[in-house]
PDB file of all heavy atoms in Angstrom:
ATOM      1  N   ALA A   1     -17.311 -29.769 -52.628  1.00  0.00           N
ATOM      2  CA  ALA A   1     -16.416 -30.312 -53.597  1.00  0.00           C
ATOM      3  C   ALA A   1     -17.144 -30.794 -54.769  1.00  0.00           C
ATOM      4  O   ALA A   1     -16.706 -30.826 -55.878  1.00  0.00           O
ATOM      5  CB  ALA A   1     -15.667 -31.505 -53.034  1.00  0.00           C
ATOM      6  N   ALA A   2     -18.413 -31.284 -54.664  1.00  0.00           N
ATOM      7  CA  ALA A   2     -19.234 -31.881 -55.700  1.00  0.00           C
ATOM      8  C   ALA A   2     -19.920 -30.875 -56.562  1.00  0.00           C
ATOM      9  O   ALA A   2     -20.357 -31.272 -57.672  1.00  0.00           O
ATOM     10  CB  ALA A   2     -20.335 -32.873 -55.167  1.00  0.00           C
ATOM     11  N   GLY A   3     -20.054 -29.606 -56.176  1.00  0.00           N
ATOM     12  CA  GLY A   3     -20.709 -28.655 -56.982  1.00  0.00           C
ATOM     13  C   GLY A   3     -21.003 -27.365 -56.158  1.00  0.00           C
ATOM     14  O   GLY A   3     -20.336 -27.054 -55.227  1.00  0.00           O
ATOM     15  N   ARG A   4     -21.977 -26.624 -56.711  1.00  0.00           N
ATOM     16  CA  ARG A   4     -22.324 -25.278 -56.192  1.00  0.00           C
ATOM     17  C   ARG A   4     -23.413 -25.465 -55.114  1.00  0.00           C
ATOM     18  O   ARG A   4     -24.403 -26.014 -55.371  1.00  0.00           O
ATOM     19  CB  ARG A   4     -22.785 -24.438 -57.307  1.00  0.00           C
ATOM     20  CG  ARG A   4     -22.798 -22.963 -57.042  1.00  0.00           C
ATOM     21  CD  ARG A   4     -23.346 -22.298 -58.322  1.00  0.00           C
ATOM     22  NE  ARG A   4     -23.257 -20.792 -58.153  1.00  0.00           N
ATOM     23  CZ  ARG A   4     -22.251 -20.093 -58.537  1.00  0.00           C
ATOM     24  NH1 ARG A   4     -21.262 -20.665 -59.176  1.00  0.00           N
ATOM     25  NH2 ARG A   4     -22.310 -18.772 -58.471  1.00  0.00           N
ATOM     26  N   GLU A   5     -23.125 -24.878 -53.938  1.00  0.00           N
ATOM     27  CA  GLU A   5     -24.006 -24.988 -52.858  1.00  0.00           C
ATOM     28  C   GLU A   5     -25.030 -23.874 -52.900  1.00  0.00           C
ATOM     29  O   GLU A   5     -24.765 -22.750 -53.021  1.00  0.00           O
ATOM     30  CB  GLU A   5     -23.278 -25.028 -51.519  1.00  0.00           C
ATOM     31  CG  GLU A   5     -24.223 -25.152 -50.258  1.00  0.00           C
ATOM     32  CD  GLU A   5     -23.504 -24.679 -49.059  1.00  0.00           C
ATOM     33  OE1 GLU A   5     -22.648 -23.832 -49.119  1.00  0.00           O
ATOM     34  OE2 GLU A   5     -24.021 -25.214 -47.899  1.00  0.00           O
ATOM     35  N   ARG A   6     -26.387 -24.240 -52.629  1.00  0.00           N
ATOM     36  CA  ARG A   6     -27.365 -23.350 -52.491  1.00  0.00           C
ATOM     37  C   ARG A   6     -28.297 -23.749 -51.231  1.00  0.00           C
ATOM     38  O   ARG A   6     -28.589 -24.897 -51.052  1.00  0.00           O
ATOM     39  CB  ARG A   6     -28.267 -23.283 -53.731  1.00  0.00           C
ATOM     40  CG  ARG A   6     -27.590 -22.597 -54.859  1.00  0.00           C
ATOM     41  CD  ARG A   6     -28.563 -22.605 -56.143  1.00  0.00           C
ATOM     42  NE  ARG A   6     -27.922 -21.808 -57.252  1.00  0.00           N
ATOM     43  CZ  ARG A   6     -27.125 -22.351 -58.183  1.00  0.00           C
ATOM     44  NH1 ARG A   6     -26.795 -23.634 -58.004  1.00  0.00           N
ATOM     45  NH2 ARG A   6     -26.558 -21.743 -59.103  1.00  0.00           N
ATOM     46  N   LEU A   7     -28.598 -22.727 -50.449  1.00  0.00           N
ATOM     47  CA  LEU A   7     -29.449 -22.898 -49.296  1.00  0.00           C
ATOM     48  C   LEU A   7     -30.810 -22.256 -49.549  1.00  0.00           C
ATOM     49  O   LEU A   7     -30.924 -21.243 -50.164  1.00  0.00           O
ATOM     50  CB  LEU A   7     -28.786 -22.406 -47.998  1.00  0.00           C
ATOM     51  CG  LEU A   7     -27.436 -22.931 -47.675  1.00  0.00           C
ATOM     52  CD1 LEU A   7     -26.733 -22.108 -46.490  1.00  0.00           C
ATOM     53  CD2 LEU A   7     -27.410 -24.284 -47.444  1.00  0.00           C
ATOM     54  N   HIS A   8     -31.825 -22.999 -49.091  1.00  0.00           N
ATOM     55  CA  HIS A   8     -33.204 -22.576 -49.291  1.00  0.00           C
ATOM     56  C   HIS A   8     -33.966 -22.461 -48.065  1.00  0.00           C
ATOM     57  O   HIS A   8     -33.974 -23.361 -47.151  1.00  0.00           O
ATOM     58  CB  HIS A   8     -33.917 -23.505 -50.324  1.00  0.00           C
ATOM     59  CG  HIS A   8     -33.055 -23.871 -51.475  1.00  0.00           C
ATOM     60  ND1 HIS A   8     -33.020 -23.176 -52.705  1.00  0.00           N
ATOM     61  CD2 HIS A   8     -32.143 -24.892 -51.735  1.00  0.00           C
ATOM     62  CE1 HIS A   8     -32.263 -23.644 -53.534  1.00  0.00           C
ATOM     63  NE2 HIS A   8     -31.650 -24.703 -53.029  1.00  0.00           N
ATOM     64  N   PHE A   9     -34.818 -21.424 -48.011  1.00  0.00           N
ATOM     65  CA  PHE A   9     -35.895 -21.361 -46.894  1.00  0.00           C
ATOM     66  C   PHE A   9     -37.022 -20.422 -47.317  1.00  0.00           C
ATOM     67  O   PHE A   9     -36.702 -19.407 -47.943  1.00  0.00           O
ATOM     68  CB  PHE A   9     -35.161 -20.808 -45.616  1.00  0.00           C
ATOM     69  CG  PHE A   9     -34.739 -19.287 -45.816  1.00  0.00           C
ATOM     70  CD1 PHE A   9     -35.580 -18.282 -45.306  1.00  0.00           C
ATOM     71  CD2 PHE A   9     -33.478 -18.957 -46.406  1.00  0.00           C
ATOM     72  CE1 PHE A   9     -35.072 -16.944 -45.500  1.00  0.00           C
ATOM     73  CE2 PHE A   9     -33.060 -17.692 -46.536  1.00  0.00           C
ATOM     74  CZ  PHE A   9     -33.915 -16.667 -46.072  1.00  0.00           C
ATOM     75  N   GLU A  10     -38.181 -20.809 -46.991  1.00  0.00           N
ATOM     76  CA  GLU A  10     -39.345 -19.987 -47.249  1.00  0.00           C
ATOM     77  C   GLU A  10     -39.381 -19.445 -48.675  1.00  0.00           C
ATOM     78  O   GLU A  10     -39.869 -18.272 -48.877  1.00  0.00           O
ATOM     79  CB  GLU A  10     -39.526 -18.890 -46.273  1.00  0.00           C
ATOM     80  CG  GLU A  10     -39.584 -19.377 -44.741  1.00  0.00           C
ATOM     81  CD  GLU A  10     -40.909 -20.011 -44.490  1.00  0.00           C
ATOM     82  OE1 GLU A  10     -41.817 -19.862 -45.281  1.00  0.00           O
ATOM     83  OE2 GLU A  10     -40.975 -20.731 -43.540  1.00  0.00           O
ATOM     84  N   GLY A  11     -39.029 -20.188 -49.727  1.00  0.00           N
ATOM     85  CA  GLY A  11     -38.917 -19.643 -50.999  1.00  0.00           C
ATOM     86  C   GLY A  11     -37.717 -18.784 -51.398  1.00  0.00           C
ATOM     87  O   GLY A  11     -37.584 -18.410 -52.569  1.00  0.00           O
ATOM     88  N   TRP A  12     -36.889 -18.625 -50.469  1.00  0.00           N
ATOM     89  CA  TRP A  12     -35.613 -17.843 -50.693  1.00  0.00           C
ATOM     90  C   TRP A  12     -34.475 -18.708 -51.048  1.00  0.00           C
ATOM     91  O   TRP A  12     -34.411 -19.898 -50.656  1.00  0.00           O
ATOM     92  CB  TRP A  12     -35.225 -17.014 -49.506  1.00  0.00           C
ATOM     93  CG  TRP A  12     -36.172 -15.848 -49.173  1.00  0.00           C
ATOM     94  CD1 TRP A  12     -37.466 -15.959 -48.663  1.00  0.00           C
ATOM     95  CD2 TRP A  12     -35.821 -14.481 -49.344  1.00  0.00           C
ATOM     96  NE1 TRP A  12     -37.999 -14.693 -48.575  1.00  0.00           N
ATOM     97  CE2 TRP A  12     -37.037 -13.720 -48.966  1.00  0.00           C
ATOM     98  CE3 TRP A  12     -34.680 -13.788 -49.802  1.00  0.00           C
ATOM     99  CZ2 TRP A  12     -37.130 -12.318 -48.932  1.00  0.00           C
ATOM    100  CZ3 TRP A  12     -34.798 -12.422 -49.772  1.00  0.00           C
ATOM    101  CH2 TRP A  12     -35.919 -11.734 -49.342  1.00  0.00           C
ATOM    102  N   THR A  13     -33.535 -18.237 -51.813  1.00  0.00           N
ATOM    103  CA  THR A  13     -32.336 -19.059 -52.189  1.00  0.00           C
ATOM    104  C   THR A  13     -31.109 -18.265 -51.927  1.00  0.00           C
ATOM    105  O   THR A  13     -31.021 -17.086 -52.382  1.00  0.00           O
ATOM    106  CB  THR A  13     -32.416 -19.363 -53.749  1.00  0.00           C
ATOM    107  OG1 THR A  13     -33.554 -20.257 -53.886  1.00  0.00           O
ATOM    108  CG2 THR A  13     -31.195 -20.098 -54.149  1.00  0.00           C
ATOM    109  N   VAL A  14     -30.132 -18.890 -51.317  1.00  0.00           N
ATOM    110  CA  VAL A  14     -28.803 -18.261 -51.081  1.00  0.00           C
ATOM    111  C   VAL A  14     -27.714 -19.093 -51.787  1.00  0.00           C
ATOM    112  O   VAL A  14     -27.506 -20.221 -51.548  1.00  0.00           O
ATOM    113  CB  VAL A  14     -28.576 -18.267 -49.504  1.00  0.00           C
ATOM    114  CG1 VAL A  14     -27.159 -17.614 -49.317  1.00  0.00           C
ATOM    115  CG2 VAL A  14     -29.612 -17.427 -48.824  1.00  0.00           C
ATOM    116  N   ASP A  15     -27.160 -18.479 -52.787  1.00  0.00           N
ATOM    117  CA  ASP A  15     -26.073 -19.067 -53.560  1.00  0.00           C
ATOM    118  C   ASP A  15     -24.790 -18.696 -52.736  1.00  0.00           C
ATOM    119  O   ASP A  15     -24.348 -17.480 -52.746  1.00  0.00           O
ATOM    120  CB  ASP A  15     -25.936 -18.402 -54.940  1.00  0.00           C
ATOM    121  CG  ASP A  15     -24.930 -19.129 -55.774  1.00  0.00           C
ATOM    122  OD1 ASP A  15     -23.859 -19.542 -55.247  1.00  0.00           O
ATOM    123  OD2 ASP A  15     -25.120 -19.367 -57.017  1.00  0.00           O
ATOM    124  N   VAL A  16     -24.156 -19.639 -51.988  1.00  0.00           N
ATOM    125  CA  VAL A  16     -23.152 -19.422 -51.144  1.00  0.00           C
ATOM    126  C   VAL A  16     -21.860 -18.864 -51.849  1.00  0.00           C
ATOM    127  O   VAL A  16     -21.216 -17.939 -51.480  1.00  0.00           O
ATOM    128  CB  VAL A  16     -22.762 -20.581 -50.276  1.00  0.00           C
ATOM    129  CG1 VAL A  16     -21.602 -20.350 -49.436  1.00  0.00           C
ATOM    130  CG2 VAL A  16     -23.993 -20.973 -49.495  1.00  0.00           C
ATOM    131  N   ALA A  17     -21.488 -19.554 -52.986  1.00  0.00           N
ATOM    132  CA  ALA A  17     -20.264 -19.243 -53.595  1.00  0.00           C
ATOM    133  C   ALA A  17     -20.351 -17.777 -54.267  1.00  0.00           C
ATOM    134  O   ALA A  17     -19.340 -17.026 -54.235  1.00  0.00           O
ATOM    135  CB  ALA A  17     -19.949 -20.257 -54.755  1.00  0.00           C
ATOM    136  N   ALA A  18     -21.577 -17.524 -54.812  1.00  0.00           N
ATOM    137  CA  ALA A  18     -21.705 -16.180 -55.513  1.00  0.00           C
ATOM    138  C   ALA A  18     -22.063 -15.108 -54.495  1.00  0.00           C
ATOM    139  O   ALA A  18     -22.174 -13.944 -54.837  1.00  0.00           O
ATOM    140  CB  ALA A  18     -22.726 -16.281 -56.558  1.00  0.00           C
ATOM    141  N   ARG A  19     -22.356 -15.512 -53.204  1.00  0.00           N
ATOM    142  CA  ARG A  19     -22.829 -14.559 -52.134  1.00  0.00           C
ATOM    143  C   ARG A  19     -24.049 -13.799 -52.694  1.00  0.00           C
ATOM    144  O   ARG A  19     -24.215 -12.630 -52.579  1.00  0.00           O
ATOM    145  CB  ARG A  19     -21.752 -13.683 -51.714  1.00  0.00           C
ATOM    146  CG  ARG A  19     -20.467 -14.447 -51.246  1.00  0.00           C
ATOM    147  CD  ARG A  19     -19.346 -13.420 -50.956  1.00  0.00           C
ATOM    148  NE  ARG A  19     -19.595 -12.819 -49.658  1.00  0.00           N
ATOM    149  CZ  ARG A  19     -19.475 -13.307 -48.442  1.00  0.00           C
ATOM    150  NH1 ARG A  19     -18.850 -14.546 -48.434  1.00  0.00           N
ATOM    151  NH2 ARG A  19     -19.703 -12.731 -47.346  1.00  0.00           N
ATOM    152  N   ARG A  20     -25.028 -14.598 -53.357  1.00  0.00           N
ATOM    153  CA  ARG A  20     -26.241 -14.021 -53.986  1.00  0.00           C
ATOM    154  C   ARG A  20     -27.459 -14.532 -53.257  1.00  0.00           C
ATOM    155  O   ARG A  20     -27.639 -15.748 -53.065  1.00  0.00           O
ATOM    156  CB  ARG A  20     -26.235 -14.408 -55.395  1.00  0.00           C
ATOM    157  CG  ARG A  20     -27.308 -13.656 -56.262  1.00  0.00           C
ATOM    158  CD  ARG A  20     -27.055 -13.921 -57.762  1.00  0.00           C
ATOM    159  NE  ARG A  20     -27.995 -13.105 -58.548  1.00  0.00           N
ATOM    160  CZ  ARG A  20     -29.146 -13.604 -59.054  1.00  0.00           C
ATOM    161  NH1 ARG A  20     -29.439 -14.849 -58.778  1.00  0.00           N
ATOM    162  NH2 ARG A  20     -29.986 -12.862 -59.853  1.00  0.00           N
ATOM    163  N   VAL A  21     -28.423 -13.641 -52.911  1.00  0.00           N
ATOM    164  CA  VAL A  21     -29.593 -13.863 -52.170  1.00  0.00           C
ATOM    165  C   VAL A  21     -30.777 -13.454 -53.053  1.00  0.00           C
ATOM    166  O   VAL A  21     -30.853 -12.308 -53.459  1.00  0.00           O
ATOM    167  CB  VAL A  21     -29.702 -13.198 -50.801  1.00  0.00           C
ATOM    168  CG1 VAL A  21     -31.002 -13.545 -50.098  1.00  0.00           C
ATOM    169  CG2 VAL A  21     -28.457 -13.560 -49.969  1.00  0.00           C
ATOM    170  N   THR A  22     -31.746 -14.363 -53.335  1.00  0.00           N
ATOM    171  CA  THR A  22     -32.794 -14.097 -54.166  1.00  0.00           C
ATOM    172  C   THR A  22     -34.166 -14.470 -53.389  1.00  0.00           C
ATOM    173  O   THR A  22     -34.180 -15.462 -52.733  1.00  0.00           O
ATOM    174  CB  THR A  22     -32.822 -14.820 -55.503  1.00  0.00           C
ATOM    175  OG1 THR A  22     -32.603 -16.189 -55.332  1.00  0.00           O
ATOM    176  CG2 THR A  22     -31.745 -14.307 -56.376  1.00  0.00           C
ATOM    177  N   GLY A  23     -35.197 -13.614 -53.624  1.00  0.00           N
ATOM    178  CA  GLY A  23     -36.396 -13.882 -52.927  1.00  0.00           C
ATOM    179  C   GLY A  23     -37.276 -14.798 -53.671  1.00  0.00           C
ATOM    180  O   GLY A  23     -36.923 -15.241 -54.750  1.00  0.00           O
ATOM    181  N   PRO A  24     -38.515 -15.097 -53.168  1.00  0.00           N
ATOM    182  CA  PRO A  24     -39.443 -15.979 -53.839  1.00  0.00           C
ATOM    183  C   PRO A  24     -39.834 -15.494 -55.234  1.00  0.00           C
ATOM    184  O   PRO A  24     -40.180 -16.395 -56.054  1.00  0.00           O
ATOM    185  CB  PRO A  24     -40.739 -15.997 -52.936  1.00  0.00           C
ATOM    186  CG  PRO A  24     -40.114 -15.633 -51.503  1.00  0.00           C
ATOM    187  CD  PRO A  24     -38.969 -14.718 -51.934  1.00  0.00           C
ATOM    188  N   ASP A  25     -39.735 -14.181 -55.501  1.00  0.00           N
ATOM    189  CA  ASP A  25     -40.040 -13.685 -56.799  1.00  0.00           C
ATOM    190  C   ASP A  25     -38.911 -13.689 -57.789  1.00  0.00           C
ATOM    191  O   ASP A  25     -39.049 -13.288 -58.903  1.00  0.00           O
ATOM    192  CB  ASP A  25     -40.683 -12.297 -56.667  1.00  0.00           C
ATOM    193  CG  ASP A  25     -39.632 -11.346 -56.053  1.00  0.00           C
ATOM    194  OD1 ASP A  25     -38.613 -11.751 -55.620  1.00  0.00           O
ATOM    195  OD2 ASP A  25     -39.901 -10.101 -55.908  1.00  0.00           O
ATOM    196  N   GLY A  26     -37.658 -14.144 -57.322  1.00  0.00           N
ATOM    197  CA  GLY A  26     -36.537 -14.207 -58.099  1.00  0.00           C
ATOM    198  C   GLY A  26     -35.727 -13.033 -58.147  1.00  0.00           C
ATOM    199  O   GLY A  26     -34.687 -12.949 -58.792  1.00  0.00           O
ATOM    200  N   ALA A  27     -36.141 -11.936 -57.542  1.00  0.00           N
ATOM    201  CA  ALA A  27     -35.388 -10.735 -57.366  1.00  0.00           C
ATOM    202  C   ALA A  27     -34.355 -10.861 -56.343  1.00  0.00           C
ATOM    203  O   ALA A  27     -34.473 -11.438 -55.277  1.00  0.00           O
ATOM    204  CB  ALA A  27     -36.403  -9.536 -56.978  1.00  0.00           C
TER     205      ALA A  27
END
């Protein structure tokens, strides 16, 4: 409710709303 959720592990980022997964290099 407060904003956009992102989950992080080992340099990876998962944008839950956009269903977007990016690696440590940003790709």
